[in-house]
Amino acid sequence: MNRILPYTSALLLFFGVTACSVDNYPAPDSQLYGTFLDIETNEPVEQDIIRGSTIEYIEHGYASQTKQTMIVKNDGTYRNNLIFANTYTIAPVRGNFVPMAPPGGDH
């Protein structure tokens, strides 16, 4: 038993060191934040605390375009400080509001 322990430790250390590789990808460098505002009062629209509003966004430019979600706080604000600078499709879902069509849009 005393002979196996040093060899096992050395083997685990070897695999632990060689299995690691340097992450040379750049860190996220952009932010997405804002507030849902009432069109009449220009005040933030409060959200439900439990199962409240979420924002779905898809990052374009990659083969896998999976939906990511961001939770809207109950005061109507949202923030993600760790996203990559890229083109996104963003849609609010499950909210207590009716989304407006963008100006000049076909929606």
PDB file of N, CA and C in Angstrom:
ATOM      1  N   MET A   1       0.822  -1.192   0.000  1.00  0.00           N
ATOM      2  CA  MET A   1       0.000   0.000   0.000  1.00  0.00           C
ATOM      3  C   MET A   1       0.866   1.255   0.000  1.00  0.00           C
ATOM      4  N   ASN A   2       1.974   1.198   0.738  1.00  0.00           N
ATOM      5  CA  ASN A   2       2.851   2.357   0.812  1.00  0.00           C
ATOM      6  C   ASN A   2       3.524   2.647  -0.521  1.00  0.00           C
ATOM      7  N   ARG A   3       3.693   1.637  -1.365  1.00  0.00           N
ATOM      8  CA  ARG A   3       4.313   1.840  -2.675  1.00  0.00           C
ATOM      9  C   ARG A   3       3.312   2.394  -3.690  1.00  0.00           C
ATOM     10  N   ILE A   4       2.053   2.049  -3.551  1.00  0.00           N
ATOM     11  CA  ILE A   4       1.036   2.462  -4.521  1.00  0.00           C
ATOM     12  C   ILE A   4       0.693   3.937  -4.363  1.00  0.00           C
ATOM     13  N   LEU A   5       0.659   4.431  -3.166  1.00  0.00           N
ATOM     14  CA  LEU A   5       0.261   5.812  -2.901  1.00  0.00           C
ATOM     15  C   LEU A   5       1.149   6.846  -3.604  1.00  0.00           C
ATOM     16  N   PRO A   6       2.477   6.744  -3.543  1.00  0.00           N
ATOM     17  CA  PRO A   6       3.291   7.738  -4.267  1.00  0.00           C
ATOM     18  C   PRO A   6       3.097   7.675  -5.779  1.00  0.00           C
ATOM     19  N   TYR A   7       2.977   6.461  -6.324  1.00  0.00           N
ATOM     20  CA  TYR A   7       2.782   6.334  -7.771  1.00  0.00           C
ATOM     21  C   TYR A   7       1.422   6.882  -8.196  1.00  0.00           C
ATOM     22  N   THR A   8       0.411   6.611  -7.400  1.00  0.00           N
ATOM     23  CA  THR A   8      -0.924   7.131  -7.702  1.00  0.00           C
ATOM     24  C   THR A   8      -0.942   8.649  -7.614  1.00  0.00           C
ATOM     25  N   SER A   9      -0.299   9.184  -6.600  1.00  0.00           N
ATOM     26  CA  SER A   9      -0.231  10.644  -6.461  1.00  0.00           C
ATOM     27  C   SER A   9       0.512  11.271  -7.628  1.00  0.00           C
ATOM     28  N   ALA A  10       1.626  10.668  -8.024  1.00  0.00           N
ATOM     29  CA  ALA A  10       2.405  11.192  -9.151  1.00  0.00           C
ATOM     30  C   ALA A  10       1.603  11.110 -10.444  1.00  0.00           C
ATOM     31  N   LEU A  11       0.888  10.023 -10.627  1.00  0.00           N
ATOM     32  CA  LEU A  11       0.074   9.859 -11.830  1.00  0.00           C
ATOM     33  C   LEU A  11      -1.056  10.886 -11.874  1.00  0.00           C
ATOM     34  N   LEU A  12      -1.727  11.099 -10.766  1.00  0.00           N
ATOM     35  CA  LEU A  12      -2.790  12.104 -10.715  1.00  0.00           C
ATOM     36  C   LEU A  12      -2.242  13.508 -10.944  1.00  0.00           C
ATOM     37  N   LEU A  13      -1.087  13.804 -10.381  1.00  0.00           N
ATOM     38  CA  LEU A  13      -0.463  15.105 -10.594  1.00  0.00           C
ATOM     39  C   LEU A  13      -0.092  15.290 -12.061  1.00  0.00           C
ATOM     40  N   PHE A  14       0.453  14.245 -12.683  1.00  0.00           N
ATOM     41  CA  PHE A  14       0.817  14.315 -14.099  1.00  0.00           C
ATOM     42  C   PHE A  14      -0.409  14.589 -14.967  1.00  0.00           C
ATOM     43  N   PHE A  15      -1.482  13.835 -14.758  1.00  0.00           N
ATOM     44  CA  PHE A  15      -2.693  14.048 -15.549  1.00  0.00           C
ATOM     45  C   PHE A  15      -3.344  15.392 -15.250  1.00  0.00           C
ATOM     46  N   GLY A  16      -3.266  15.823 -14.013  1.00  0.00           N
ATOM     47  CA  GLY A  16      -3.829  17.125 -13.654  1.00  0.00           C
ATOM     48  C   GLY A  16      -3.112  18.275 -14.330  1.00  0.00           C
ATOM     49  N   VAL A  17      -1.794  18.180 -14.447  1.00  0.00           N
ATOM     50  CA  VAL A  17      -1.009  19.250 -15.070  1.00  0.00           C
ATOM     51  C   VAL A  17      -1.138  19.220 -16.583  1.00  0.00           C
ATOM     52  N   THR A  18      -1.121  18.037 -17.185  1.00  0.00           N
ATOM     53  CA  THR A  18      -1.186  17.956 -18.644  1.00  0.00           C
ATOM     54  C   THR A  18      -2.596  18.155 -19.175  1.00  0.00           C
ATOM     55  N   ALA A  19      -3.605  17.952 -18.358  1.00  0.00           N
ATOM     56  CA  ALA A  19      -4.983  18.126 -18.819  1.00  0.00           C
ATOM     57  C   ALA A  19      -5.367  19.591 -18.910  1.00  0.00           C
ATOM     58  N   CYS A  20      -4.635  20.448 -18.243  1.00  0.00           N
ATOM     59  CA  CYS A  20      -4.949  21.874 -18.247  1.00  0.00           C
ATOM     60  C   CYS A  20      -4.325  22.534 -19.466  1.00  0.00           C
ATOM     61  N   SER A  21      -5.076  23.412 -20.071  1.00  0.00           N
ATOM     62  CA  SER A  21      -4.537  24.182 -21.192  1.00  0.00           C
ATOM     63  C   SER A  21      -4.828  25.654 -20.944  1.00  0.00           C
ATOM     64  N   VAL A  22      -4.049  26.485 -21.581  1.00  0.00           N
ATOM     65  CA  VAL A  22      -4.195  27.918 -21.400  1.00  0.00           C
ATOM     66  C   VAL A  22      -5.427  28.393 -22.161  1.00  0.00           C
ATOM     67  N   ASP A  23      -6.276  29.151 -21.497  1.00  0.00           N
ATOM     68  CA  ASP A  23      -7.458  29.732 -22.135  1.00  0.00           C
ATOM     69  C   ASP A  23      -7.025  31.027 -22.809  1.00  0.00           C
ATOM     70  N   ASN A  24      -6.876  30.978 -24.117  1.00  0.00           N
ATOM     71  CA  ASN A  24      -6.409  32.161 -24.834  1.00  0.00           C
ATOM     72  C   ASN A  24      -7.550  32.924 -25.505  1.00  0.00           C
ATOM     73  N   TYR A  25      -8.775  32.660 -25.099  1.00  0.00           N
ATOM     74  CA  TYR A  25      -9.912  33.379 -25.650  1.00  0.00           C
ATOM     75  C   TYR A  25     -10.061  34.720 -24.933  1.00  0.00           C
ATOM     76  N   PRO A  26     -10.470  35.752 -25.651  1.00  0.00           N
ATOM     77  CA  PRO A  26     -10.665  37.041 -24.975  1.00  0.00           C
ATOM     78  C   PRO A  26     -11.871  36.992 -24.037  1.00  0.00           C
ATOM     79  N   ALA A  27     -11.808  37.786 -23.006  1.00  0.00           N
ATOM     80  CA  ALA A  27     -12.906  37.847 -22.033  1.00  0.00           C
ATOM     81  C   ALA A  27     -14.072  38.645 -22.615  1.00  0.00           C
ATOM     82  N   PRO A  28     -15.288  38.439 -22.115  1.00  0.00           N
ATOM     83  CA  PRO A  28     -16.412  39.270 -22.554  1.00  0.00           C
ATOM     84  C   PRO A  28     -16.111  40.743 -22.300  1.00  0.00           C
ATOM     85  N   ASP A  29     -16.459  41.577 -23.284  1.00  0.00           N
ATOM     86  CA  ASP A  29     -16.060  42.983 -23.205  1.00  0.00           C
ATOM     87  C   ASP A  29     -17.205  43.961 -23.427  1.00  0.00           C
ATOM     88  N   SER A  30     -18.441  43.494 -23.349  1.00  0.00           N
ATOM     89  CA  SER A  30     -19.583  44.385 -23.582  1.00  0.00           C
ATOM     90  C   SER A  30     -20.630  44.216 -22.486  1.00  0.00           C
ATOM     91  N   GLN A  31     -21.611  45.117 -22.515  1.00  0.00           N
ATOM     92  CA  GLN A  31     -22.691  45.105 -21.530  1.00  0.00           C
ATOM     93  C   GLN A  31     -24.027  45.268 -22.237  1.00  0.00           C
ATOM     94  N   LEU A  32     -25.058  44.701 -21.629  1.00  0.00           N
ATOM     95  CA  LEU A  32     -26.430  44.891 -22.080  1.00  0.00           C
ATOM     96  C   LEU A  32     -27.248  45.238 -20.847  1.00  0.00           C
ATOM     97  N   TYR A  33     -27.851  46.424 -20.844  1.00  0.00           N
ATOM     98  CA  TYR A  33     -28.626  46.843 -19.681  1.00  0.00           C
ATOM     99  C   TYR A  33     -29.702  47.823 -20.113  1.00  0.00           C
ATOM    100  N   GLY A  34     -30.702  47.983 -19.266  1.00  0.00           N
ATOM    101  CA  GLY A  34     -31.779  48.920 -19.561  1.00  0.00           C
ATOM    102  C   GLY A  34     -32.902  48.802 -18.556  1.00  0.00           C
ATOM    103  N   THR A  35     -34.001  49.487 -18.862  1.00  0.00           N
ATOM    104  CA  THR A  35     -35.176  49.521 -17.997  1.00  0.00           C
ATOM    105  C   THR A  35     -36.421  49.478 -18.864  1.00  0.00           C
ATOM    106  N   PHE A  36     -37.412  48.699 -18.456  1.00  0.00           N
ATOM    107  CA  PHE A  36     -38.706  48.714 -19.126  1.00  0.00           C
ATOM    108  C   PHE A  36     -39.491  49.903 -18.589  1.00  0.00           C
ATOM    109  N   LEU A  37     -39.864  50.820 -19.490  1.00  0.00           N
ATOM    110  CA  LEU A  37     -40.552  52.047 -19.086  1.00  0.00           C
ATOM    111  C   LEU A  37     -41.994  52.055 -19.567  1.00  0.00           C
ATOM    112  N   ASP A  38     -42.884  52.619 -18.750  1.00  0.00           N
ATOM    113  CA  ASP A  38     -44.275  52.826 -19.123  1.00  0.00           C
ATOM    114  C   ASP A  38     -44.323  53.953 -20.146  1.00  0.00           C
ATOM    115  N   ILE A  39     -45.047  53.748 -21.247  1.00  0.00           N
ATOM    116  CA  ILE A  39     -45.073  54.733 -22.327  1.00  0.00           C
ATOM    117  C   ILE A  39     -45.786  56.018 -21.915  1.00  0.00           C
ATOM    118  N   GLU A  40     -46.736  55.933 -20.986  1.00  0.00           N
ATOM    119  CA  GLU A  40     -47.486  57.126 -20.585  1.00  0.00           C
ATOM    120  C   GLU A  40     -46.809  57.907 -19.462  1.00  0.00           C
ATOM    121  N   THR A  41     -46.267  57.204 -18.485  1.00  0.00           N
ATOM    122  CA  THR A  41     -45.689  57.886 -17.322  1.00  0.00           C
ATOM    123  C   THR A  41     -44.172  57.978 -17.368  1.00  0.00           C
ATOM    124  N   ASN A  42     -43.552  57.229 -18.252  1.00  0.00           N
ATOM    125  CA  ASN A  42     -42.096  57.156 -18.365  1.00  0.00           C
ATOM    126  C   ASN A  42     -41.452  56.654 -17.065  1.00  0.00           C
ATOM    127  N   GLU A  43     -42.213  55.906 -16.276  1.00  0.00           N
ATOM    128  CA  GLU A  43     -41.725  55.298 -15.040  1.00  0.00           C
ATOM    129  C   GLU A  43     -41.388  53.832 -15.315  1.00  0.00           C
ATOM    130  N   PRO A  44     -40.466  53.250 -14.544  1.00  0.00           N
ATOM    131  CA  PRO A  44     -40.164  51.826 -14.726  1.00  0.00           C
ATOM    132  C   PRO A  44     -41.391  50.955 -14.468  1.00  0.00           C
ATOM    133  N   VAL A  45     -41.549  49.908 -15.259  1.00  0.00           N
ATOM    134  CA  VAL A  45     -42.653  48.961 -15.103  1.00  0.00           C
ATOM    135  C   VAL A  45     -42.189  47.879 -14.139  1.00  0.00           C
ATOM    136  N   GLU A  46     -42.851  47.770 -12.993  1.00  0.00           N
ATOM    137  CA  GLU A  46     -42.478  46.759 -12.012  1.00  0.00           C
ATOM    138  C   GLU A  46     -42.860  45.379 -12.525  1.00  0.00           C
ATOM    139  N   GLN A  47     -42.060  44.387 -12.163  1.00  0.00           N
ATOM    140  CA  GLN A  47     -42.236  43.022 -12.636  1.00  0.00           C
ATOM    141  C   GLN A  47     -42.608  42.115 -11.474  1.00  0.00           C
ATOM    142  N   ASP A  48     -43.133  40.923 -11.808  1.00  0.00           N
ATOM    143  CA  ASP A  48     -43.422  39.920 -10.786  1.00  0.00           C
ATOM    144  C   ASP A  48     -42.119  39.441 -10.162  1.00  0.00           C
ATOM    145  N   ILE A  49     -42.175  39.125  -8.888  1.00  0.00           N
ATOM    146  CA  ILE A  49     -40.982  38.623  -8.210  1.00  0.00           C
ATOM    147  C   ILE A  49     -40.755  37.159  -8.561  1.00  0.00           C
ATOM    148  N   ILE A  50     -41.814  36.354  -8.513  1.00  0.00           N
ATOM    149  CA  ILE A  50     -41.698  34.932  -8.811  1.00  0.00           C
ATOM    150  C   ILE A  50     -42.126  34.705 -10.254  1.00  0.00           C
ATOM    151  N   ARG A  51     -41.279  34.045 -11.011  1.00  0.00           N
ATOM    152  CA  ARG A  51     -41.514  33.767 -12.436  1.00  0.00           C
ATOM    153  C   ARG A  51     -41.864  35.048 -13.177  1.00  0.00           C
ATOM    154  N   GLY A  52     -41.075  36.051 -12.958  1.00  0.00           N
ATOM    155  CA  GLY A  52     -41.295  37.340 -13.606  1.00  0.00           C
ATOM    156  C   GLY A  52     -40.788  37.344 -15.033  1.00  0.00           C
ATOM    157  N   SER A  53     -40.530  38.511 -15.531  1.00  0.00           N
ATOM    158  CA  SER A  53     -40.129  38.682 -16.918  1.00  0.00           C
ATOM    159  C   SER A  53     -38.702  38.202 -17.144  1.00  0.00           C
ATOM    160  N   THR A  54     -38.477  37.729 -18.337  1.00  0.00           N
ATOM    161  CA  THR A  54     -37.133  37.360 -18.763  1.00  0.00           C
ATOM    162  C   THR A  54     -36.884  37.950 -20.139  1.00  0.00           C
ATOM    163  N   ILE A  55     -35.631  38.030 -20.491  1.00  0.00           N
ATOM    164  CA  ILE A  55     -35.224  38.475 -21.819  1.00  0.00           C
ATOM    165  C   ILE A  55     -34.469  37.318 -22.450  1.00  0.00           C
ATOM    166  N   GLU A  56     -34.876  36.941 -23.655  1.00  0.00           N
ATOM    167  CA  GLU A  56     -34.149  35.915 -24.399  1.00  0.00           C
ATOM    168  C   GLU A  56     -33.295  36.608 -25.442  1.00  0.00           C
ATOM    169  N   TYR A  57     -32.058  36.167 -25.564  1.00  0.00           N
ATOM    170  CA  TYR A  57     -31.199  36.737 -26.590  1.00  0.00           C
ATOM    171  C   TYR A  57     -30.377  35.630 -27.245  1.00  0.00           C
ATOM    172  N   ILE A  58     -30.126  35.826 -28.538  1.00  0.00           N
ATOM    173  CA  ILE A  58     -29.362  34.872 -29.334  1.00  0.00           C
ATOM    174  C   ILE A  58     -28.170  35.614 -29.914  1.00  0.00           C
ATOM    175  N   GLU A  59     -26.984  35.074 -29.690  1.00  0.00           N
ATOM    176  CA  GLU A  59     -25.768  35.669 -30.246  1.00  0.00           C
ATOM    177  C   GLU A  59     -25.541  35.089 -31.633  1.00  0.00           C
ATOM    178  N   HIS A  60     -25.418  35.956 -32.626  1.00  0.00           N
ATOM    179  CA  HIS A  60     -25.203  35.515 -34.002  1.00  0.00           C
ATOM    180  C   HIS A  60     -23.712  35.437 -34.303  1.00  0.00           C
ATOM    181  N   GLY A  61     -23.362  34.686 -35.318  1.00  0.00           N
ATOM    182  CA  GLY A  61     -21.973  34.571 -35.723  1.00  0.00           C
ATOM    183  C   GLY A  61     -21.350  33.232 -35.378  1.00  0.00           C
ATOM    184  N   TYR A  62     -22.118  32.335 -34.761  1.00  0.00           N
ATOM    185  CA  TYR A  62     -21.624  31.017 -34.407  1.00  0.00           C
ATOM    186  C   TYR A  62     -22.586  29.972 -34.945  1.00  0.00           C
ATOM    187  N   ALA A  63     -22.101  28.757 -35.133  1.00  0.00           N
ATOM    188  CA  ALA A  63     -22.947  27.689 -35.662  1.00  0.00           C
ATOM    189  C   ALA A  63     -24.086  27.360 -34.695  1.00  0.00           C
ATOM    190  N   SER A  64     -23.800  27.334 -33.414  1.00  0.00           N
ATOM    191  CA  SER A  64     -24.815  27.045 -32.406  1.00  0.00           C
ATOM    192  C   SER A  64     -25.446  28.349 -31.935  1.00  0.00           C
ATOM    193  N   GLN A  65     -26.683  28.586 -32.333  1.00  0.00           N
ATOM    194  CA  GLN A  65     -27.385  29.804 -31.934  1.00  0.00           C
ATOM    195  C   GLN A  65     -28.451  29.444 -30.905  1.00  0.00           C
ATOM    196  N   THR A  66     -28.007  29.155 -29.698  1.00  0.00           N
ATOM    197  CA  THR A  66     -28.931  28.784 -28.633  1.00  0.00           C
ATOM    198  C   THR A  66     -29.433  30.026 -27.910  1.00  0.00           C
ATOM    199  N   LYS A  67     -30.655  29.927 -27.417  1.00  0.00           N
ATOM    200  CA  LYS A  67     -31.244  31.038 -26.669  1.00  0.00           C
ATOM    201  C   LYS A  67     -30.631  31.095 -25.276  1.00  0.00           C
ATOM    202  N   GLN A  68     -30.266  32.291 -24.881  1.00  0.00           N
ATOM    203  CA  GLN A  68     -29.798  32.536 -23.523  1.00  0.00           C
ATOM    204  C   GLN A  68     -30.833  33.430 -22.854  1.00  0.00           C
ATOM    205  N   THR A  69     -30.946  33.340 -21.554  1.00  0.00           N
ATOM    206  CA  THR A  69     -31.953  34.136 -20.858  1.00  0.00           C
ATOM    207  C   THR A  69     -31.311  35.046 -19.818  1.00  0.00           C
ATOM    208  N   MET A  70     -31.988  36.152 -19.586  1.00  0.00           N
ATOM    209  CA  MET A  70     -31.581  37.115 -18.579  1.00  0.00           C
ATOM    210  C   MET A  70     -32.830  37.460 -17.768  1.00  0.00           C
ATOM    211  N   ILE A  71     -32.720  37.443 -16.470  1.00  0.00           N
ATOM    212  CA  ILE A  71     -33.847  37.730 -15.590  1.00  0.00           C
ATOM    213  C   ILE A  71     -33.991  39.238 -15.416  1.00  0.00           C
ATOM    214  N   VAL A  72     -35.237  39.717 -15.497  1.00  0.00           N
ATOM    215  CA  VAL A  72     -35.528  41.129 -15.255  1.00  0.00           C
ATOM    216  C   VAL A  72     -35.806  41.295 -13.766  1.00  0.00           C
ATOM    217  N   LYS A  73     -35.167  42.271 -13.147  1.00  0.00           N
ATOM    218  CA  LYS A  73     -35.387  42.518 -11.718  1.00  0.00           C
ATOM    219  C   LYS A  73     -36.801  43.039 -11.500  1.00  0.00           C
ATOM    220  N   ASN A  74     -37.275  42.972 -10.262  1.00  0.00           N
ATOM    221  CA  ASN A  74     -38.655  43.381 -10.002  1.00  0.00           C
ATOM    222  C   ASN A  74     -38.859  44.886 -10.120  1.00  0.00           C
ATOM    223  N   ASP A  75     -37.795  45.677 -10.224  1.00  0.00           N
ATOM    224  CA  ASP A  75     -37.962  47.117 -10.450  1.00  0.00           C
ATOM    225  C   ASP A  75     -37.963  47.471 -11.937  1.00  0.00           C
ATOM    226  N   GLY A  76     -37.915  46.460 -12.823  1.00  0.00           N
ATOM    227  CA  GLY A  76     -37.991  46.686 -14.258  1.00  0.00           C
ATOM    228  C   GLY A  76     -36.654  46.851 -14.948  1.00  0.00           C
ATOM    229  N   THR A  77     -35.553  46.700 -14.229  1.00  0.00           N
ATOM    230  CA  THR A  77     -34.229  46.854 -14.830  1.00  0.00           C
ATOM    231  C   THR A  77     -33.628  45.492 -15.143  1.00  0.00           C
ATOM    232  N   TYR A  78     -32.697  45.494 -16.073  1.00  0.00           N
ATOM    233  CA  TYR A  78     -31.946  44.291 -16.410  1.00  0.00           C
ATOM    234  C   TYR A  78     -30.513  44.701 -16.722  1.00  0.00           C
ATOM    235  N   ARG A  79     -29.578  43.785 -16.490  1.00  0.00           N
ATOM    236  CA  ARG A  79     -28.164  44.080 -16.719  1.00  0.00           C
ATOM    237  C   ARG A  79     -27.390  42.776 -16.884  1.00  0.00           C
ATOM    238  N   ASN A  80     -26.516  42.751 -17.884  1.00  0.00           N
ATOM    239  CA  ASN A  80     -25.549  41.674 -18.067  1.00  0.00           C
ATOM    240  C   ASN A  80     -24.239  42.337 -18.460  1.00  0.00           C
ATOM    241  N   ASN A  81     -23.255  42.293 -17.585  1.00  0.00           N
ATOM    242  CA  ASN A  81     -21.974  42.944 -17.833  1.00  0.00           C
ATOM    243  C   ASN A  81     -20.956  42.031 -18.491  1.00  0.00           C
ATOM    244  N   LEU A  82     -21.321  40.797 -18.778  1.00  0.00           N
ATOM    245  CA  LEU A  82     -20.360  39.842 -19.312  1.00  0.00           C
ATOM    246  C   LEU A  82     -20.860  39.207 -20.601  1.00  0.00           C
ATOM    247  N   ILE A  83     -21.049  40.015 -21.632  1.00  0.00           N
ATOM    248  CA  ILE A  83     -21.396  39.471 -22.940  1.00  0.00           C
ATOM    249  C   ILE A  83     -20.329  39.898 -23.935  1.00  0.00           C
ATOM    250  N   PHE A  84     -20.244  39.181 -25.028  1.00  0.00           N
ATOM    251  CA  PHE A  84     -19.270  39.485 -26.063  1.00  0.00           C
ATOM    252  C   PHE A  84     -19.835  40.519 -27.027  1.00  0.00           C
ATOM    253  N   ALA A  85     -18.980  41.366 -27.557  1.00  0.00           N
ATOM    254  CA  ALA A  85     -19.394  42.338 -28.564  1.00  0.00           C
ATOM    255  C   ALA A  85     -19.726  41.567 -29.837  1.00  0.00           C
ATOM    256  N   ASN A  86     -20.988  41.568 -30.218  1.00  0.00           N
ATOM    257  CA  ASN A  86     -21.450  40.822 -31.379  1.00  0.00           C
ATOM    258  C   ASN A  86     -22.840  41.324 -31.733  1.00  0.00           C
ATOM    259  N   THR A  87     -23.475  40.684 -32.698  1.00  0.00           N
ATOM    260  CA  THR A  87     -24.844  41.001 -33.090  1.00  0.00           C
ATOM    261  C   THR A  87     -25.780  40.021 -32.386  1.00  0.00           C
ATOM    262  N   TYR A  88     -26.849  40.550 -31.792  1.00  0.00           N
ATOM    263  CA  TYR A  88     -27.787  39.748 -31.017  1.00  0.00           C
ATOM    264  C   TYR A  88     -29.213  39.993 -31.486  1.00  0.00           C
ATOM    265  N   THR A  89     -30.055  38.972 -31.344  1.00  0.00           N
ATOM    266  CA  THR A  89     -31.498  39.122 -31.446  1.00  0.00           C
ATOM    267  C   THR A  89     -32.025  39.061 -30.018  1.00  0.00           C
ATOM    268  N   ILE A  90     -32.757  40.100 -29.606  1.00  0.00           N
ATOM    269  CA  ILE A  90     -33.203  40.219 -28.222  1.00  0.00           C
ATOM    270  C   ILE A  90     -34.724  40.323 -28.198  1.00  0.00           C
ATOM    271  N   ALA A  91     -35.362  39.545 -27.312  1.00  0.00           N
ATOM    272  CA  ALA A  91     -36.822  39.579 -27.203  1.00  0.00           C
ATOM    273  C   ALA A  91     -37.237  39.427 -25.745  1.00  0.00           C
ATOM    274  N   PRO A  92     -38.089  40.337 -25.236  1.00  0.00           N
ATOM    275  CA  PRO A  92     -38.634  40.150 -23.887  1.00  0.00           C
ATOM    276  C   PRO A  92     -39.734  39.093 -23.925  1.00  0.00           C
ATOM    277  N   VAL A  93     -39.757  38.219 -22.931  1.00  0.00           N
ATOM    278  CA  VAL A  93     -40.775  37.164 -22.858  1.00  0.00           C
ATOM    279  C   VAL A  93     -41.336  37.111 -21.442  1.00  0.00           C
ATOM    280  N   ARG A  94     -42.540  36.561 -21.318  1.00  0.00           N
ATOM    281  CA  ARG A  94     -43.229  36.373 -20.037  1.00  0.00           C
ATOM    282  C   ARG A  94     -43.298  37.653 -19.219  1.00  0.00           C
ATOM    283  N   GLY A  95     -43.633  38.736 -19.839  1.00  0.00           N
ATOM    284  CA  GLY A  95     -43.696  39.993 -19.102  1.00  0.00           C
ATOM    285  C   GLY A  95     -45.110  40.436 -18.821  1.00  0.00           C
ATOM    286  N   ASN A  96     -45.230  41.417 -17.962  1.00  0.00           N
ATOM    287  CA  ASN A  96     -46.532  42.016 -17.690  1.00  0.00           C
ATOM    288  C   ASN A  96     -46.666  43.312 -18.480  1.00  0.00           C
ATOM    289  N   PHE A  97     -46.287  43.264 -19.731  1.00  0.00           N
ATOM    290  CA  PHE A  97     -46.315  44.422 -20.607  1.00  0.00           C
ATOM    291  C   PHE A  97     -46.560  43.949 -22.029  1.00  0.00           C
ATOM    292  N   VAL A  98     -46.923  44.874 -22.896  1.00  0.00           N
ATOM    293  CA  VAL A  98     -47.091  44.583 -24.315  1.00  0.00           C
ATOM    294  C   VAL A  98     -45.936  45.249 -25.038  1.00  0.00           C
ATOM    295  N   PRO A  99     -45.075  44.481 -25.713  1.00  0.00           N
ATOM    296  CA  PRO A  99     -43.937  45.096 -26.391  1.00  0.00           C
ATOM    297  C   PRO A  99     -44.390  46.012 -27.517  1.00  0.00           C
ATOM    298  N   MET A 100     -43.705  47.116 -27.669  1.00  0.00           N
ATOM    299  CA  MET A 100     -43.979  48.043 -28.767  1.00  0.00           C
ATOM    300  C   MET A 100     -43.218  47.597 -29.997  1.00  0.00           C
ATOM    301  N   ALA A 101     -43.768  47.893 -31.162  1.00  0.00           N
ATOM    302  CA  ALA A 101     -43.047  47.639 -32.401  1.00  0.00           C
ATOM    303  C   ALA A 101     -41.961  48.689 -32.547  1.00  0.00           C
ATOM    304  N   PRO A 102     -40.785  48.304 -33.032  1.00  0.00           N
ATOM    305  CA  PRO A 102     -39.736  49.303 -33.230  1.00  0.00           C
ATOM    306  C   PRO A 102     -40.160  50.315 -34.285  1.00  0.00           C
ATOM    307  N   PRO A 103     -39.703  51.555 -34.195  1.00  0.00           N
ATOM    308  CA  PRO A 103     -40.082  52.569 -35.184  1.00  0.00           C
ATOM    309  C   PRO A 103     -39.691  52.133 -36.588  1.00  0.00           C
ATOM    310  N   GLY A 104     -40.647  52.192 -37.495  1.00  0.00           N
ATOM    311  CA  GLY A 104     -40.391  51.827 -38.887  1.00  0.00           C
ATOM    312  C   GLY A 104     -40.304  50.336 -39.109  1.00  0.00           C
ATOM    313  N   GLY A 105     -40.613  49.532 -38.096  1.00  0.00           N
ATOM    314  CA  GLY A 105     -40.528  48.082 -38.224  1.00  0.00           C
ATOM    315  C   GLY A 105     -41.804  47.490 -38.787  1.00  0.00           C
ATOM    316  N   ASP A 106     -41.713  46.239 -39.203  1.00  0.00           N
ATOM    317  CA  ASP A 106     -42.862  45.534 -39.764  1.00  0.00           C
ATOM    318  C   ASP A 106     -43.579  44.703 -38.710  1.00  0.00           C
ATOM    319  N   HIS A 107     -43.235  44.846 -37.455  1.00  0.00           N
ATOM    320  CA  HIS A 107     -43.810  44.002 -36.405  1.00  0.00           C
ATOM    321  C   HIS A 107     -45.099  44.566 -35.888  1.00  0.00           C
TER     322      HIS A 107
END
